[in-house]
Amino acid sequence: GYMSQSDKGEMVIGGGTDGFNNYTQRGSFHHIEETLRALV
């Protein structure tokens, strides 16, 4: 998980990659949940 603050004040958070091949341009909830749990 990685975090910075943008010029607009938003906290920009990055997570990991999905564990499977895909072409979706949306977030996977379990990744987001675990990343945020650790960052909190």
PDB file of all heavy atoms in Angstrom:
ATOM      1  N   GLY A   1       0.853  -1.182   0.000  1.00  0.00           N
ATOM      2  CA  GLY A   1       0.000   0.000   0.000  1.00  0.00           C
ATOM      3  C   GLY A   1       0.886   1.227   0.000  1.00  0.00           C
ATOM      4  O   GLY A   1       1.942   1.228   0.631  1.00  0.00           O
ATOM      5  N   TYR A   2       0.478   2.254  -0.725  1.00  0.00           N
ATOM      6  CA  TYR A   2       1.287   3.477  -0.740  1.00  0.00           C
ATOM      7  C   TYR A   2       0.355   4.669  -0.788  1.00  0.00           C
ATOM      8  O   TYR A   2      -0.757   4.601  -1.302  1.00  0.00           O
ATOM      9  CB  TYR A   2       2.282   3.495  -1.901  1.00  0.00           C
ATOM     10  CG  TYR A   2       1.841   2.810  -3.163  1.00  0.00           C
ATOM     11  CD1 TYR A   2       1.258   3.527  -4.202  1.00  0.00           C
ATOM     12  CD2 TYR A   2       2.009   1.438  -3.319  1.00  0.00           C
ATOM     13  CE1 TYR A   2       0.861   2.908  -5.367  1.00  0.00           C
ATOM     14  CE2 TYR A   2       1.606   0.801  -4.484  1.00  0.00           C
ATOM     15  CZ  TYR A   2       1.030   1.538  -5.498  1.00  0.00           C
ATOM     16  OH  TYR A   2       0.622   0.924  -6.649  1.00  0.00           O
ATOM     17  N   MET A   3       0.824   5.786  -0.227  1.00  0.00           N
ATOM     18  CA  MET A   3      -0.075   6.920  -0.058  1.00  0.00           C
ATOM     19  C   MET A   3       0.688   8.233  -0.208  1.00  0.00           C
ATOM     20  O   MET A   3       1.833   8.366   0.214  1.00  0.00           O
ATOM     21  CB  MET A   3      -0.742   6.855   1.318  1.00  0.00           C
ATOM     22  CG  MET A   3      -1.865   7.875   1.501  1.00  0.00           C
ATOM     23  SD  MET A   3      -2.922   7.507   2.915  1.00  0.00           S
ATOM     24  CE  MET A   3      -1.897   8.105   4.235  1.00  0.00           C
ATOM     25  N   SER A   4       0.027   9.189  -0.832  1.00  0.00           N
ATOM     26  CA  SER A   4       0.539  10.558  -0.916  1.00  0.00           C
ATOM     27  C   SER A   4      -0.665  11.482  -0.930  1.00  0.00           C
ATOM     28  O   SER A   4      -1.809  11.030  -1.043  1.00  0.00           O
ATOM     29  CB  SER A   4       1.398  10.752  -2.173  1.00  0.00           C
ATOM     30  OG  SER A   4       0.612  10.573  -3.345  1.00  0.00           O
ATOM     31  N   GLN A   5      -0.406  12.788  -0.824  1.00  0.00           N
ATOM     32  CA  GLN A   5      -1.506  13.755  -0.868  1.00  0.00           C
ATOM     33  C   GLN A   5      -1.380  14.583  -2.141  1.00  0.00           C
ATOM     34  O   GLN A   5      -0.320  15.138  -2.434  1.00  0.00           O
ATOM     35  CB  GLN A   5      -1.493  14.661   0.360  1.00  0.00           C
ATOM     36  CG  GLN A   5      -2.752  15.519   0.475  1.00  0.00           C
ATOM     37  CD  GLN A   5      -2.917  16.155   1.834  1.00  0.00           C
ATOM     38  OE1 GLN A   5      -1.973  16.254   2.614  1.00  0.00           O
ATOM     39  NE2 GLN A   5      -4.135  16.585   2.149  1.00  0.00           N
ATOM     40  N   SER A   6      -2.466  14.658  -2.894  1.00  0.00           N
ATOM     41  CA  SER A   6      -2.437  15.384  -4.165  1.00  0.00           C
ATOM     42  C   SER A   6      -2.536  16.879  -3.930  1.00  0.00           C
ATOM     43  O   SER A   6      -2.806  17.347  -2.819  1.00  0.00           O
ATOM     44  CB  SER A   6      -3.584  14.926  -5.061  1.00  0.00           C
ATOM     45  OG  SER A   6      -4.810  15.488  -4.624  1.00  0.00           O
ATOM     46  N   ASP A   7      -2.353  17.649  -5.001  1.00  0.00           N
ATOM     47  CA  ASP A   7      -2.449  19.107  -4.898  1.00  0.00           C
ATOM     48  C   ASP A   7      -3.859  19.554  -4.538  1.00  0.00           C
ATOM     49  O   ASP A   7      -4.055  20.647  -4.014  1.00  0.00           O
ATOM     50  CB  ASP A   7      -2.011  19.748  -6.218  1.00  0.00           C
ATOM     51  CG  ASP A   7      -2.834  19.254  -7.396  1.00  0.00           C
ATOM     52  OD1 ASP A   7      -2.651  18.093  -7.804  1.00  0.00           O
ATOM     53  OD2 ASP A   7      -3.667  20.021  -7.902  1.00  0.00           O
ATOM     54  N   LYS A   8      -4.852  18.705  -4.811  1.00  0.00           N
ATOM     55  CA  LYS A   8      -6.242  19.046  -4.467  1.00  0.00           C
ATOM     56  C   LYS A   8      -6.599  18.643  -3.035  1.00  0.00           C
ATOM     57  O   LYS A   8      -7.721  18.860  -2.593  1.00  0.00           O
ATOM     58  CB  LYS A   8      -7.202  18.384  -5.462  1.00  0.00           C
ATOM     59  CG  LYS A   8      -7.068  18.903  -6.882  1.00  0.00           C
ATOM     60  CD  LYS A   8      -8.166  18.386  -7.786  1.00  0.00           C
ATOM     61  CE  LYS A   8      -7.938  16.938  -8.167  1.00  0.00           C
ATOM     62  NZ  LYS A   8      -6.791  16.759  -9.082  1.00  0.00           N
ATOM     63  N   GLY A   9      -5.663  17.995  -2.333  1.00  0.00           N
ATOM     64  CA  GLY A   9      -5.896  17.604  -0.954  1.00  0.00           C
ATOM     65  C   GLY A   9      -6.362  16.177  -0.770  1.00  0.00           C
ATOM     66  O   GLY A   9      -6.520  15.706   0.361  1.00  0.00           O
ATOM     67  N   GLU A  10      -6.605  15.462  -1.874  1.00  0.00           N
ATOM     68  CA  GLU A  10      -7.048  14.073  -1.762  1.00  0.00           C
ATOM     69  C   GLU A  10      -5.890  13.179  -1.335  1.00  0.00           C
ATOM     70  O   GLU A  10      -4.749  13.388  -1.754  1.00  0.00           O
ATOM     71  CB  GLU A  10      -7.586  13.589  -3.111  1.00  0.00           C
ATOM     72  CG  GLU A  10      -8.777  14.393  -3.630  1.00  0.00           C
ATOM     73  CD  GLU A  10      -9.039  14.126  -5.100  1.00  0.00           C
ATOM     74  OE1 GLU A  10      -8.069  13.829  -5.827  1.00  0.00           O
ATOM     75  OE2 GLU A  10     -10.210  14.221  -5.528  1.00  0.00           O
ATOM     76  N   MET A  11      -6.183  12.176  -0.516  1.00  0.00           N
ATOM     77  CA  MET A  11      -5.180  11.161  -0.195  1.00  0.00           C
ATOM     78  C   MET A  11      -5.217  10.113  -1.310  1.00  0.00           C
ATOM     79  O   MET A  11      -6.246   9.450  -1.524  1.00  0.00           O
ATOM     80  CB  MET A  11      -5.464  10.525   1.160  1.00  0.00           C
ATOM     81  CG  MET A  11      -5.571  11.516   2.311  1.00  0.00           C
ATOM     82  SD  MET A  11      -4.168  12.640   2.478  1.00  0.00           S
ATOM     83  CE  MET A  11      -2.875  11.539   3.018  1.00  0.00           C
ATOM     84  N   VAL A  12      -4.131  10.010  -2.049  1.00  0.00           N
ATOM     85  CA  VAL A  12      -4.044   9.085  -3.183  1.00  0.00           C
ATOM     86  C   VAL A  12      -3.425   7.787  -2.693  1.00  0.00           C
ATOM     87  O   VAL A  12      -2.306   7.779  -2.181  1.00  0.00           O
ATOM     88  CB  VAL A  12      -3.194   9.686  -4.323  1.00  0.00           C
ATOM     89  CG1 VAL A  12      -3.169   8.745  -5.515  1.00  0.00           C
ATOM     90  CG2 VAL A  12      -3.720  11.054  -4.722  1.00  0.00           C
ATOM     91  N   ILE A  13      -4.162   6.695  -2.838  1.00  0.00           N
ATOM     92  CA  ILE A  13      -3.746   5.404  -2.281  1.00  0.00           C
ATOM     93  C   ILE A  13      -3.640   4.376  -3.397  1.00  0.00           C
ATOM     94  O   ILE A  13      -4.530   4.269  -4.247  1.00  0.00           O
ATOM     95  CB  ILE A  13      -4.752   4.932  -1.209  1.00  0.00           C
ATOM     96  CG1 ILE A  13      -4.769   5.922  -0.041  1.00  0.00           C
ATOM     97  CG2 ILE A  13      -4.426   3.523  -0.723  1.00  0.00           C
ATOM     98  CD1 ILE A  13      -5.887   5.683   0.949  1.00  0.00           C
ATOM     99  N   GLY A  14      -2.550   3.657  -3.408  1.00  0.00           N
ATOM    100  CA  GLY A  14      -2.359   2.577  -4.373  1.00  0.00           C
ATOM    101  C   GLY A  14      -2.311   1.242  -3.667  1.00  0.00           C
ATOM    102  O   GLY A  14      -1.808   1.132  -2.546  1.00  0.00           O
ATOM    103  N   GLY A  15      -2.836   0.216  -4.315  1.00  0.00           N
ATOM    104  CA  GLY A  15      -2.818  -1.132  -3.765  1.00  0.00           C
ATOM    105  C   GLY A  15      -2.001  -2.055  -4.637  1.00  0.00           C
ATOM    106  O   GLY A  15      -1.170  -1.623  -5.436  1.00  0.00           O
ATOM    107  N   GLY A  16      -2.241  -3.350  -4.513  1.00  0.00           N
ATOM    108  CA  GLY A  16      -1.506  -4.344  -5.295  1.00  0.00           C
ATOM    109  C   GLY A  16      -2.246  -4.714  -6.563  1.00  0.00           C
ATOM    110  O   GLY A  16      -3.307  -4.169  -6.890  1.00  0.00           O
ATOM    111  N   THR A  17      -1.659  -5.659  -7.277  1.00  0.00           N
ATOM    112  CA  THR A  17      -2.294  -6.157  -8.496  1.00  0.00           C
ATOM    113  C   THR A  17      -3.194  -7.343  -8.166  1.00  0.00           C
ATOM    114  O   THR A  17      -2.987  -8.040  -7.171  1.00  0.00           O
ATOM    115  CB  THR A  17      -1.237  -6.613  -9.514  1.00  0.00           C
ATOM    116  OG1 THR A  17      -0.363  -7.563  -8.885  1.00  0.00           O
ATOM    117  CG2 THR A  17      -0.426  -5.442 -10.019  1.00  0.00           C
ATOM    118  N   ASP A  18      -4.173  -7.571  -9.018  1.00  0.00           N
ATOM    119  CA  ASP A  18      -5.006  -8.762  -8.883  1.00  0.00           C
ATOM    120  C   ASP A  18      -4.142 -10.014  -9.044  1.00  0.00           C
ATOM    121  O   ASP A  18      -3.161 -10.004  -9.787  1.00  0.00           O
ATOM    122  CB  ASP A  18      -6.102  -8.775  -9.954  1.00  0.00           C
ATOM    123  CG  ASP A  18      -7.246  -7.841  -9.623  1.00  0.00           C
ATOM    124  OD1 ASP A  18      -7.296  -7.351  -8.480  1.00  0.00           O
ATOM    125  OD2 ASP A  18      -8.087  -7.592 -10.502  1.00  0.00           O
ATOM    126  N   GLY A  19      -4.558 -11.076  -8.401  1.00  0.00           N
ATOM    127  CA  GLY A  19      -3.813 -12.326  -8.498  1.00  0.00           C
ATOM    128  C   GLY A  19      -4.199 -13.162  -9.696  1.00  0.00           C
ATOM    129  O   GLY A  19      -3.853 -14.348  -9.766  1.00  0.00           O
ATOM    130  N   PHE A  20      -4.921 -12.591 -10.621  1.00  0.00           N
ATOM    131  CA  PHE A  20      -5.355 -13.334 -11.809  1.00  0.00           C
ATOM    132  C   PHE A  20      -5.327 -12.397 -13.006  1.00  0.00           C
ATOM    133  O   PHE A  20      -5.440 -11.180 -12.866  1.00  0.00           O
ATOM    134  CB  PHE A  20      -6.767 -13.903 -11.602  1.00  0.00           C
ATOM    135  CG  PHE A  20      -7.778 -12.868 -11.192  1.00  0.00           C
ATOM    136  CD1 PHE A  20      -8.540 -12.199 -12.130  1.00  0.00           C
ATOM    137  CD2 PHE A  20      -7.950 -12.550  -9.845  1.00  0.00           C
ATOM    138  CE1 PHE A  20      -9.460 -11.241 -11.756  1.00  0.00           C
ATOM    139  CE2 PHE A  20      -8.867 -11.581  -9.455  1.00  0.00           C
ATOM    140  CZ  PHE A  20      -9.621 -10.933 -10.419  1.00  0.00           C
ATOM    141  N   ASN A  21      -5.162 -12.962 -14.201  1.00  0.00           N
ATOM    142  CA  ASN A  21      -5.098 -12.149 -15.416  1.00  0.00           C
ATOM    143  C   ASN A  21      -6.486 -11.623 -15.770  1.00  0.00           C
ATOM    144  O   ASN A  21      -7.461 -12.378 -15.763  1.00  0.00           O
ATOM    145  CB  ASN A  21      -4.556 -12.975 -16.586  1.00  0.00           C
ATOM    146  CG  ASN A  21      -3.174 -13.530 -16.309  1.00  0.00           C
ATOM    147  OD1 ASN A  21      -2.893 -14.684 -16.555  1.00  0.00           O
ATOM    148  ND2 ASN A  21      -2.309 -12.707 -15.784  1.00  0.00           N
ATOM    149  N   ASN A  22      -6.555 -10.330 -16.076  1.00  0.00           N
ATOM    150  CA  ASN A  22      -7.840  -9.754 -16.469  1.00  0.00           C
ATOM    151  C   ASN A  22      -7.611  -8.419 -17.149  1.00  0.00           C
ATOM    152  O   ASN A  22      -6.520  -7.850 -17.103  1.00  0.00           O
ATOM    153  CB  ASN A  22      -8.762  -9.608 -15.253  1.00  0.00           C
ATOM    154  CG  ASN A  22      -8.243  -8.608 -14.246  1.00  0.00           C
ATOM    155  OD1 ASN A  22      -8.497  -7.420 -14.346  1.00  0.00           O
ATOM    156  ND2 ASN A  22      -7.489  -9.085 -13.251  1.00  0.00           N
ATOM    157  N   TYR A  23      -8.676  -7.911 -17.766  1.00  0.00           N
ATOM    158  CA  TYR A  23      -8.624  -6.632 -18.467  1.00  0.00           C
ATOM    159  C   TYR A  23      -9.644  -5.648 -17.904  1.00  0.00           C
ATOM    160  O   TYR A  23     -10.117  -4.762 -18.600  1.00  0.00           O
ATOM    161  CB  TYR A  23      -8.876  -6.843 -19.964  1.00  0.00           C
ATOM    162  CG  TYR A  23      -7.733  -7.532 -20.657  1.00  0.00           C
ATOM    163  CD1 TYR A  23      -7.732  -8.908 -20.835  1.00  0.00           C
ATOM    164  CD2 TYR A  23      -6.641  -6.817 -21.109  1.00  0.00           C
ATOM    165  CE1 TYR A  23      -6.687  -9.551 -21.453  1.00  0.00           C
ATOM    166  CE2 TYR A  23      -5.575  -7.440 -21.728  1.00  0.00           C
ATOM    167  CZ  TYR A  23      -5.603  -8.805 -21.899  1.00  0.00           C
ATOM    168  OH  TYR A  23      -4.548  -9.429 -22.510  1.00  0.00           O
ATOM    169  N   THR A  24      -9.980  -5.787 -16.631  1.00  0.00           N
ATOM    170  CA  THR A  24     -10.950  -4.879 -16.019  1.00  0.00           C
ATOM    171  C   THR A  24     -10.245  -3.609 -15.561  1.00  0.00           C
ATOM    172  O   THR A  24      -9.129  -3.656 -15.073  1.00  0.00           O
ATOM    173  CB  THR A  24     -11.638  -5.525 -14.807  1.00  0.00           C
ATOM    174  OG1 THR A  24     -10.640  -5.826 -13.824  1.00  0.00           O
ATOM    175  CG2 THR A  24     -12.353  -6.798 -15.196  1.00  0.00           C
ATOM    176  N   GLN A  25     -10.911  -2.493 -15.707  1.00  0.00           N
ATOM    177  CA  GLN A  25     -10.348  -1.223 -15.241  1.00  0.00           C
ATOM    178  C   GLN A  25     -11.097  -0.744 -14.000  1.00  0.00           C
ATOM    179  O   GLN A  25     -11.403   0.430 -13.850  1.00  0.00           O
ATOM    180  CB  GLN A  25     -10.391  -0.181 -16.361  1.00  0.00           C
ATOM    181  CG  GLN A  25      -9.387  -0.472 -17.463  1.00  0.00           C
ATOM    182  CD  GLN A  25      -9.364   0.601 -18.532  1.00  0.00           C
ATOM    183  OE1 GLN A  25     -10.405   1.008 -19.030  1.00  0.00           O
ATOM    184  NE2 GLN A  25      -8.190   1.057 -18.896  1.00  0.00           N
ATOM    185  N   ARG A  26     -11.362  -1.676 -13.095  1.00  0.00           N
ATOM    186  CA  ARG A  26     -12.022  -1.326 -11.844  1.00  0.00           C
ATOM    187  C   ARG A  26     -11.271  -1.992 -10.698  1.00  0.00           C
ATOM    188  O   ARG A  26     -10.536  -2.942 -10.886  1.00  0.00           O
ATOM    189  CB  ARG A  26     -13.484  -1.779 -11.850  1.00  0.00           C
ATOM    190  CG  ARG A  26     -13.668  -3.272 -12.005  1.00  0.00           C
ATOM    191  CD  ARG A  26     -15.139  -3.658 -11.953  1.00  0.00           C
ATOM    192  NE  ARG A  26     -15.320  -5.102 -12.009  1.00  0.00           N
ATOM    193  CZ  ARG A  26     -15.466  -5.796 -13.117  1.00  0.00           C
ATOM    194  NH1 ARG A  26     -15.465  -5.186 -14.291  1.00  0.00           N
ATOM    195  NH2 ARG A  26     -15.619  -7.109 -13.091  1.00  0.00           N
ATOM    196  N   GLY A  27     -11.472  -1.469  -9.499  1.00  0.00           N
ATOM    197  CA  GLY A  27     -10.784  -2.014  -8.342  1.00  0.00           C
ATOM    198  C   GLY A  27     -11.414  -3.304  -7.848  1.00  0.00           C
ATOM    199  O   GLY A  27     -12.623  -3.497  -7.950  1.00  0.00           O
ATOM    200  N   SER A  28     -10.588  -4.196  -7.307  1.00  0.00           N
ATOM    201  CA  SER A  28     -11.085  -5.426  -6.683  1.00  0.00           C
ATOM    202  C   SER A  28     -11.245  -5.180  -5.184  1.00  0.00           C
ATOM    203  O   SER A  28     -10.292  -4.786  -4.514  1.00  0.00           O
ATOM    204  CB  SER A  28     -10.101  -6.579  -6.915  1.00  0.00           C
ATOM    205  OG  SER A  28     -10.045  -6.912  -8.269  1.00  0.00           O
ATOM    206  N   PHE A  29     -12.436  -5.433  -4.685  1.00  0.00           N
ATOM    207  CA  PHE A  29     -12.761  -4.978  -3.330  1.00  0.00           C
ATOM    208  C   PHE A  29     -11.869  -5.608  -2.268  1.00  0.00           C
ATOM    209  O   PHE A  29     -11.458  -4.937  -1.316  1.00  0.00           O
ATOM    210  CB  PHE A  29     -14.236  -5.267  -3.019  1.00  0.00           C
ATOM    211  CG  PHE A  29     -14.658  -4.697  -1.683  1.00  0.00           C
ATOM    212  CD1 PHE A  29     -14.870  -3.336  -1.543  1.00  0.00           C
ATOM    213  CD2 PHE A  29     -14.799  -5.505  -0.580  1.00  0.00           C
ATOM    214  CE1 PHE A  29     -15.240  -2.797  -0.323  1.00  0.00           C
ATOM    215  CE2 PHE A  29     -15.165  -4.982   0.645  1.00  0.00           C
ATOM    216  CZ  PHE A  29     -15.396  -3.629   0.774  1.00  0.00           C
ATOM    217  N   HIS A  30     -11.530  -6.890  -2.419  1.00  0.00           N
ATOM    218  CA  HIS A  30     -10.740  -7.526  -1.358  1.00  0.00           C
ATOM    219  C   HIS A  30      -9.342  -6.919  -1.266  1.00  0.00           C
ATOM    220  O   HIS A  30      -8.770  -6.805  -0.185  1.00  0.00           O
ATOM    221  CB  HIS A  30     -10.659  -9.038  -1.587  1.00  0.00           C
ATOM    222  CG  HIS A  30      -9.919  -9.445  -2.814  1.00  0.00           C
ATOM    223  ND1 HIS A  30     -10.450  -9.326  -4.080  1.00  0.00           N
ATOM    224  CD2 HIS A  30      -8.677  -9.940  -2.994  1.00  0.00           C
ATOM    225  CE1 HIS A  30      -9.574  -9.749  -4.972  1.00  0.00           C
ATOM    226  NE2 HIS A  30      -8.481 -10.118  -4.332  1.00  0.00           N
ATOM    227  N   HIS A  31      -8.772  -6.509  -2.399  1.00  0.00           N
ATOM    228  CA  HIS A  31      -7.474  -5.828  -2.395  1.00  0.00           C
ATOM    229  C   HIS A  31      -7.575  -4.494  -1.666  1.00  0.00           C
ATOM    230  O   HIS A  31      -6.731  -4.146  -0.839  1.00  0.00           O
ATOM    231  CB  HIS A  31      -7.009  -5.556  -3.830  1.00  0.00           C
ATOM    232  CG  HIS A  31      -6.116  -6.620  -4.378  1.00  0.00           C
ATOM    233  ND1 HIS A  31      -4.921  -6.969  -3.777  1.00  0.00           N
ATOM    234  CD2 HIS A  31      -6.219  -7.401  -5.468  1.00  0.00           C
ATOM    235  CE1 HIS A  31      -4.349  -7.926  -4.473  1.00  0.00           C
ATOM    236  NE2 HIS A  31      -5.123  -8.207  -5.506  1.00  0.00           N
ATOM    237  N   ILE A  32      -8.605  -3.749  -2.005  1.00  0.00           N
ATOM    238  CA  ILE A  32      -8.781  -2.425  -1.422  1.00  0.00           C
ATOM    239  C   ILE A  32      -8.999  -2.528   0.078  1.00  0.00           C
ATOM    240  O   ILE A  32      -8.419  -1.774   0.868  1.00  0.00           O
ATOM    241  CB  ILE A  32      -9.969  -1.716  -2.112  1.00  0.00           C
ATOM    242  CG1 ILE A  32      -9.602  -1.395  -3.572  1.00  0.00           C
ATOM    243  CG2 ILE A  32     -10.368  -0.457  -1.366  1.00  0.00           C
ATOM    244  CD1 ILE A  32     -10.776  -1.081  -4.444  1.00  0.00           C
ATOM    245  N   GLU A  33      -9.804  -3.495   0.490  1.00  0.00           N
ATOM    246  CA  GLU A  33     -10.097  -3.663   1.911  1.00  0.00           C
ATOM    247  C   GLU A  33      -8.822  -3.987   2.695  1.00  0.00           C
ATOM    248  O   GLU A  33      -8.561  -3.391   3.748  1.00  0.00           O
ATOM    249  CB  GLU A  33     -11.138  -4.772   2.102  1.00  0.00           C
ATOM    250  CG  GLU A  33     -11.597  -4.912   3.548  1.00  0.00           C
ATOM    251  CD  GLU A  33     -12.655  -5.992   3.699  1.00  0.00           C
ATOM    252  OE1 GLU A  33     -12.687  -6.915   2.871  1.00  0.00           O
ATOM    253  OE2 GLU A  33     -13.440  -5.914   4.644  1.00  0.00           O
ATOM    254  N   GLU A  34      -8.015  -4.907   2.203  1.00  0.00           N
ATOM    255  CA  GLU A  34      -6.800  -5.293   2.921  1.00  0.00           C
ATOM    256  C   GLU A  34      -5.778  -4.155   2.929  1.00  0.00           C
ATOM    257  O   GLU A  34      -5.115  -3.904   3.934  1.00  0.00           O
ATOM    258  CB  GLU A  34      -6.185  -6.554   2.286  1.00  0.00           C
ATOM    259  CG  GLU A  34      -4.878  -7.013   2.931  1.00  0.00           C
ATOM    260  CD  GLU A  34      -4.981  -7.222   4.441  1.00  0.00           C
ATOM    261  OE1 GLU A  34      -6.058  -7.624   4.930  1.00  0.00           O
ATOM    262  OE2 GLU A  34      -3.975  -6.964   5.129  1.00  0.00           O
ATOM    263  N   THR A  35      -5.662  -3.443   1.820  1.00  0.00           N
ATOM    264  CA  THR A  35      -4.727  -2.314   1.759  1.00  0.00           C
ATOM    265  C   THR A  35      -5.128  -1.237   2.762  1.00  0.00           C
ATOM    266  O   THR A  35      -4.294  -0.726   3.521  1.00  0.00           O
ATOM    267  CB  THR A  35      -4.703  -1.718   0.340  1.00  0.00           C
ATOM    268  OG1 THR A  35      -4.244  -2.715  -0.577  1.00  0.00           O
ATOM    269  CG2 THR A  35      -3.774  -0.518   0.273  1.00  0.00           C
ATOM    270  N   LEU A  36      -6.411  -0.892   2.788  1.00  0.00           N
ATOM    271  CA  LEU A  36      -6.878   0.147   3.707  1.00  0.00           C
ATOM    272  C   LEU A  36      -6.792  -0.310   5.161  1.00  0.00           C
ATOM    273  O   LEU A  36      -6.483   0.487   6.051  1.00  0.00           O
ATOM    274  CB  LEU A  36      -8.312   0.552   3.370  1.00  0.00           C
ATOM    275  CG  LEU A  36      -8.475   1.361   2.087  1.00  0.00           C
ATOM    276  CD1 LEU A  36      -9.934   1.694   1.848  1.00  0.00           C
ATOM    277  CD2 LEU A  36      -7.652   2.640   2.136  1.00  0.00           C
ATOM    278  N   ARG A  37      -7.036  -1.588   5.402  1.00  0.00           N
ATOM    279  CA  ARG A  37      -6.948  -2.104   6.771  1.00  0.00           C
ATOM    280  C   ARG A  37      -5.532  -1.905   7.317  1.00  0.00           C
ATOM    281  O   ARG A  37      -5.336  -1.489   8.463  1.00  0.00           O
ATOM    282  CB  ARG A  37      -7.322  -3.588   6.776  1.00  0.00           C
ATOM    283  CG  ARG A  37      -7.582  -4.137   8.185  1.00  0.00           C
ATOM    284  CD  ARG A  37      -7.835  -5.625   8.133  1.00  0.00           C
ATOM    285  NE  ARG A  37      -9.002  -5.966   7.334  1.00  0.00           N
ATOM    286  CZ  ARG A  37      -9.055  -6.989   6.485  1.00  0.00           C
ATOM    287  NH1 ARG A  37      -8.007  -7.760   6.310  1.00  0.00           N
ATOM    288  NH2 ARG A  37     -10.162  -7.235   5.820  1.00  0.00           N
ATOM    289  N   ALA A  38      -4.534  -2.187   6.484  1.00  0.00           N
ATOM    290  CA  ALA A  38      -3.144  -2.026   6.903  1.00  0.00           C
ATOM    291  C   ALA A  38      -2.766  -0.549   7.012  1.00  0.00           C
ATOM    292  O   ALA A  38      -2.063  -0.146   7.947  1.00  0.00           O
ATOM    293  CB  ALA A  38      -2.226  -2.731   5.909  1.00  0.00           C
ATOM    294  N   LEU A  39      -3.235   0.276   6.061  1.00  0.00           N
ATOM    295  CA  LEU A  39      -2.886   1.698   6.100  1.00  0.00           C
ATOM    296  C   LEU A  39      -3.548   2.414   7.274  1.00  0.00           C
ATOM    297  O   LEU A  39      -2.981   3.357   7.826  1.00  0.00           O
ATOM    298  CB  LEU A  39      -3.273   2.372   4.778  1.00  0.00           C
ATOM    299  CG  LEU A  39      -2.396   2.033   3.571  1.00  0.00           C
ATOM    300  CD1 LEU A  39      -2.938   2.703   2.315  1.00  0.00           C
ATOM    301  CD2 LEU A  39      -0.950   2.454   3.795  1.00  0.00           C
ATOM    302  N   VAL A  40      -4.734   1.975   7.674  1.00  0.00           N
ATOM    303  CA  VAL A  40      -5.396   2.576   8.831  1.00  0.00           C
ATOM    304  C   VAL A  40      -4.572   2.335  10.093  1.00  0.00           C
ATOM    305  O   VAL A  40      -4.502   3.199  10.985  1.00  0.00           O
ATOM    306  CB  VAL A  40      -6.832   2.029   8.986  1.00  0.00           C
ATOM    307  CG1 VAL A  40      -7.382   2.295  10.384  1.00  0.00           C
ATOM    308  CG2 VAL A  40      -7.748   2.664   7.954  1.00  0.00           C
TER     309      VAL A  40
END
